[in-house]
Amino acid sequence: MEKAFVAQRVANKLFATESAIDAAMVETMEMTAELIQARKDLELSSVVANGATAKLADAVAALAAARTAVVEAHAELDEVRLRIGIRTKLIGVISKPAGSAQTDLRVAV
């Protein structure tokens, strides 16, 4: 099997892993915000659910550490790509939100 196609399979899994961690971070942070808002809406003391809020903060920290590890693995895999002679950078399909285009580019005239 051609190296580039095998590398693309690995890259696709890497992109999926990065995306999954990002999604988990978003969900956990949204859960934390929802928990805090619920406490406020019910006019409960800050003591209520403080332990759960702290555990969610721990979860976000763990996810951030996992994200850092995956980003570092991504960089190492890019070096492997070069060492095994794959010069073309293959990319996966990464959907970007509308309006997220890079705006700091200049147009050559």
Protein backbone atom coordinates (compact mmCIF):
# COMPACT_ATOMS: atom_id res chain seq x y z
CA MET A 1 0.00 0.00 0.00
CA GLU A 2 1.30 3.47 -0.84
CA LYS A 3 2.83 5.35 2.11
CA ALA A 4 0.85 8.51 1.42
CA PHE A 5 -2.48 6.72 1.71
CA VAL A 6 -1.48 4.97 4.93
CA ALA A 7 -0.27 8.29 6.32
CA GLN A 8 -3.59 9.89 5.34
CA ARG A 9 -5.46 7.22 7.31
CA VAL A 10 -3.37 8.05 10.37
CA ALA A 11 -3.87 11.78 9.78
CA ASN A 12 -7.63 11.33 9.56
CA LYS A 13 -7.65 9.58 12.95
CA LEU A 14 -5.43 12.31 14.38
CA PHE A 15 -7.81 15.03 13.15
CA ALA A 16 -10.77 13.10 14.57
CA THR A 17 -8.99 12.76 17.92
CA GLU A 18 -8.21 16.49 18.03
CA SER A 19 -11.82 17.30 17.17
CA ALA A 20 -13.20 14.91 19.80
CA ILE A 21 -11.08 16.45 22.54
CA ASP A 22 -12.12 19.96 21.50
CA ALA A 23 -15.79 18.89 21.52
CA ALA A 24 -15.41 17.30 24.96
CA MET A 25 -13.82 20.49 26.28
CA VAL A 26 -16.68 22.59 24.92
CA GLU A 27 -19.33 20.27 26.39
CA THR A 28 -17.62 20.21 29.78
CA MET A 29 -17.28 23.99 29.91
CA GLU A 30 -20.90 24.43 28.82
CA MET A 31 -21.96 21.96 31.53
CA THR A 32 -20.02 23.98 34.09
CA ALA A 33 -21.65 27.22 32.95
CA GLU A 34 -25.09 25.58 33.02
CA LEU A 35 -24.51 24.28 36.54
CA ILE A 36 -23.47 27.72 37.78
CA GLN A 37 -26.41 29.38 36.03
CA ALA A 38 -28.85 26.83 37.51
CA ARG A 39 -27.52 27.56 40.99
CA LYS A 40 -27.99 31.29 40.41
CA ASP A 41 -31.47 30.85 38.91
CA LEU A 42 -32.53 28.86 41.98
CA GLU A 43 -30.86 31.43 44.25
CA LEU A 44 -28.77 28.77 45.94
CA SER A 45 -25.61 29.34 47.94
CA SER A 46 -22.23 29.08 46.24
CA VAL A 47 -21.60 26.10 48.49
CA VAL A 48 -24.26 24.10 46.64
CA ALA A 49 -22.67 21.89 43.96
CA ASN A 50 -19.26 23.41 44.63
CA GLY A 51 -17.72 19.94 44.64
CA ALA A 52 -19.26 19.12 41.27
CA THR A 53 -18.08 22.43 39.84
CA ALA A 54 -14.55 21.70 41.06
CA LYS A 55 -14.66 18.21 39.51
CA LEU A 56 -15.76 19.71 36.19
CA ALA A 57 -12.86 22.17 36.39
CA ASP A 58 -10.54 19.19 36.97
CA ALA A 59 -12.05 17.51 33.92
CA VAL A 60 -11.37 20.59 31.77
CA ALA A 61 -7.77 20.66 33.01
CA ALA A 62 -7.37 16.96 32.16
CA LEU A 63 -8.85 17.54 28.70
CA ALA A 64 -6.49 20.49 28.18
CA ALA A 65 -3.56 18.24 29.08
CA ALA A 66 -4.84 15.60 26.66
CA ARG A 67 -5.18 18.23 23.95
CA THR A 68 -1.60 19.37 24.52
CA ALA A 69 -0.37 15.78 24.30
CA VAL A 70 -2.24 15.19 21.03
CA VAL A 71 -0.93 18.45 19.55
CA GLU A 72 2.61 17.37 20.49
CA ALA A 73 1.98 13.96 18.92
CA HIS A 74 0.77 15.78 15.80
CA ALA A 75 4.08 17.64 15.57
CA GLU A 76 6.07 14.43 16.05
CA LEU A 77 4.03 12.64 13.40
CA ASP A 78 4.74 15.49 10.99
CA GLU A 79 8.46 14.83 11.52
CA VAL A 80 7.90 11.11 10.91
CA ARG A 81 6.11 12.00 7.68
CA LEU A 82 9.24 13.76 6.45
CA ARG A 83 11.59 11.00 7.64
CA ILE A 84 9.71 8.33 5.71
CA GLY A 85 9.79 10.44 2.57
CA ILE A 86 6.27 11.84 2.33
CA ARG A 87 6.72 15.41 1.19
CA THR A 88 3.11 16.27 0.42
CA LYS A 89 1.06 17.47 3.33
CA LEU A 90 -2.22 15.62 3.28
CA ILE A 91 -5.08 17.18 5.15
CA GLY A 92 -8.40 15.92 6.31
CA VAL A 93 -11.69 17.61 5.79
CA ILE A 94 -11.91 20.21 8.50
CA SER A 95 -15.10 22.23 8.54
CA LYS A 96 -14.62 25.78 9.69
CA PRO A 97 -17.40 28.05 10.90
CA ALA A 98 -18.74 30.61 8.46
CA GLY A 99 -16.90 33.90 8.72
CA SER A 100 -13.73 32.30 10.03
CA ALA A 101 -11.71 33.18 6.96
CA GLN A 102 -8.28 34.63 7.58
CA THR A 103 -8.58 38.41 7.40
CA ASP A 104 -4.96 39.47 7.79
CA LEU A 105 -4.01 38.61 4.21
CA ARG A 106 -3.18 41.21 1.60
CA VAL A 107 -4.18 40.89 -2.02
CA ALA A 108 -1.35 41.22 -4.54
CA VAL A 109 -2.18 43.75 -7.23
